[in-house]
Amino acid sequence: GDEKTVVALSAPPYEHVYRDSDLVLQAYYESKQYGSALAIVGGRIAERPSDFQLRVSKAVIQHESGDTPAAVATLRQAGKDLPEFKAQTDQFIAEITK
């Protein structure tokens, strides 16, 4: 969760090596750099659109950043795209909109 480490790993010569690492994603999330965390997750979703956990991760980050409507939209889209997880997305939506 060290922001200086994230900045160092995001700069040359490391920016291409570490940009999509789980450690960098976690550091962005923990340091509340939600835009950067969402960029990583969004790229992963584009590569692996059927990965339900990535969709949930995106919704969690959106919710934590204060954008609950975007989190709900992400979960609704996940339920449409991956109908086998619709019951779970409905449950998550109910939890975050209480």
Protein backbone atom coordinates (compact mmCIF):
# COMPACT_ATOMS: atom_id res chain seq x y z
CA GLY A 1 0.00 0.00 0.00
CA ASP A 2 2.99 2.34 -0.36
CA GLU A 3 2.11 5.13 -2.78
CA LYS A 4 5.78 5.94 -3.46
CA THR A 5 6.33 2.36 -4.58
CA VAL A 6 3.35 2.56 -6.91
CA VAL A 7 4.64 5.79 -8.41
CA ALA A 8 8.14 4.31 -8.83
CA LEU A 9 6.80 1.17 -10.49
CA SER A 10 4.56 3.21 -12.77
CA ALA A 11 7.49 5.21 -14.14
CA PRO A 12 10.17 4.24 -16.67
CA PRO A 13 11.67 1.71 -17.02
CA TYR A 14 9.06 -0.32 -15.11
CA GLU A 15 5.78 1.08 -16.41
CA HIS A 16 5.19 -1.72 -18.92
CA VAL A 17 6.35 -4.52 -16.65
CA TYR A 18 4.35 -3.71 -13.54
CA ARG A 19 1.37 -1.73 -14.79
CA ASP A 20 -0.95 -4.75 -14.68
CA SER A 21 0.47 -6.57 -11.68
CA ASP A 22 -1.73 -7.63 -8.78
CA LEU A 23 0.59 -5.85 -6.37
CA VAL A 24 0.22 -2.56 -8.21
CA LEU A 25 -3.54 -3.02 -8.38
CA GLN A 26 -3.67 -3.66 -4.64
CA ALA A 27 -1.45 -0.66 -3.93
CA TYR A 28 -3.65 1.61 -6.05
CA TYR A 29 -6.75 0.33 -4.26
CA GLU A 30 -5.26 0.65 -0.78
CA SER A 31 -3.97 4.15 -1.49
CA LYS A 32 -7.42 5.09 -2.83
CA GLN A 33 -6.16 5.75 -6.35
CA TYR A 34 -9.39 4.31 -7.66
CA GLY A 35 -9.05 5.64 -11.20
CA SER A 36 -5.78 3.80 -11.68
CA ALA A 37 -7.19 0.64 -10.09
CA LEU A 38 -10.22 0.81 -12.38
CA ALA A 39 -7.96 1.22 -15.41
CA ILE A 40 -6.17 -2.03 -14.56
CA VAL A 41 -9.39 -3.92 -13.88
CA GLY A 42 -11.02 -2.50 -17.00
CA GLY A 43 -8.14 -3.71 -19.11
CA ARG A 44 -8.39 -7.15 -17.58
CA ILE A 45 -12.14 -7.29 -18.23
CA ALA A 46 -11.52 -6.36 -21.87
CA GLU A 47 -9.12 -9.30 -22.12
CA ARG A 48 -11.24 -11.74 -20.10
CA PRO A 49 -14.89 -10.62 -20.33
CA SER A 50 -16.22 -13.89 -18.90
CA ASP A 51 -14.24 -13.53 -15.65
CA PHE A 52 -16.98 -12.85 -13.13
CA GLN A 53 -14.56 -12.01 -10.32
CA LEU A 54 -13.09 -9.16 -12.35
CA ARG A 55 -16.57 -7.69 -12.76
CA VAL A 56 -17.12 -7.91 -9.00
CA SER A 57 -13.72 -6.31 -8.36
CA LYS A 58 -14.66 -3.41 -10.63
CA ALA A 59 -17.96 -2.95 -8.78
CA VAL A 60 -16.21 -3.04 -5.40
CA ILE A 61 -13.74 -0.36 -6.49
CA GLN A 62 -16.54 1.78 -7.90
CA HIS A 63 -18.56 1.42 -4.69
CA GLU A 64 -15.55 2.19 -2.48
CA SER A 65 -14.83 5.29 -4.56
CA GLY A 66 -18.34 6.54 -3.80
CA ASP A 67 -19.83 5.73 -7.19
CA THR A 68 -22.48 3.23 -6.14
CA PRO A 69 -24.62 3.86 -9.27
CA ALA A 70 -21.67 2.79 -11.46
CA ALA A 71 -21.14 -0.27 -9.26
CA VAL A 72 -24.80 -1.23 -9.68
CA ALA A 73 -24.53 -0.74 -13.45
CA THR A 74 -21.40 -2.92 -13.55
CA LEU A 75 -23.16 -5.68 -11.61
CA ARG A 76 -26.30 -5.45 -13.77
CA GLN A 77 -24.19 -5.75 -16.91
CA ALA A 78 -22.34 -8.72 -15.40
CA GLY A 79 -25.69 -10.40 -14.72
CA LYS A 80 -26.73 -9.85 -18.34
CA ASP A 81 -23.42 -10.95 -19.84
CA LEU A 82 -22.98 -13.90 -17.49
CA PRO A 83 -26.51 -15.09 -16.66
CA GLU A 84 -25.21 -17.98 -14.59
CA PHE A 85 -24.15 -15.34 -12.00
CA LYS A 86 -27.34 -13.24 -12.09
CA ALA A 87 -28.52 -14.40 -8.66
CA GLN A 88 -25.19 -13.34 -7.18
CA THR A 89 -25.21 -9.96 -8.91
CA ASP A 90 -28.75 -9.31 -7.68
CA GLN A 91 -27.65 -10.17 -4.14
CA PHE A 92 -24.62 -7.85 -4.37
CA ILE A 93 -26.81 -5.04 -5.71
CA ALA A 94 -29.21 -5.48 -2.81
CA GLU A 95 -26.31 -5.32 -0.34
CA ILE A 96 -24.73 -2.14 -1.69
CA THR A 97 -28.01 -0.25 -2.11
CA LYS A 98 -29.32 -0.83 1.43
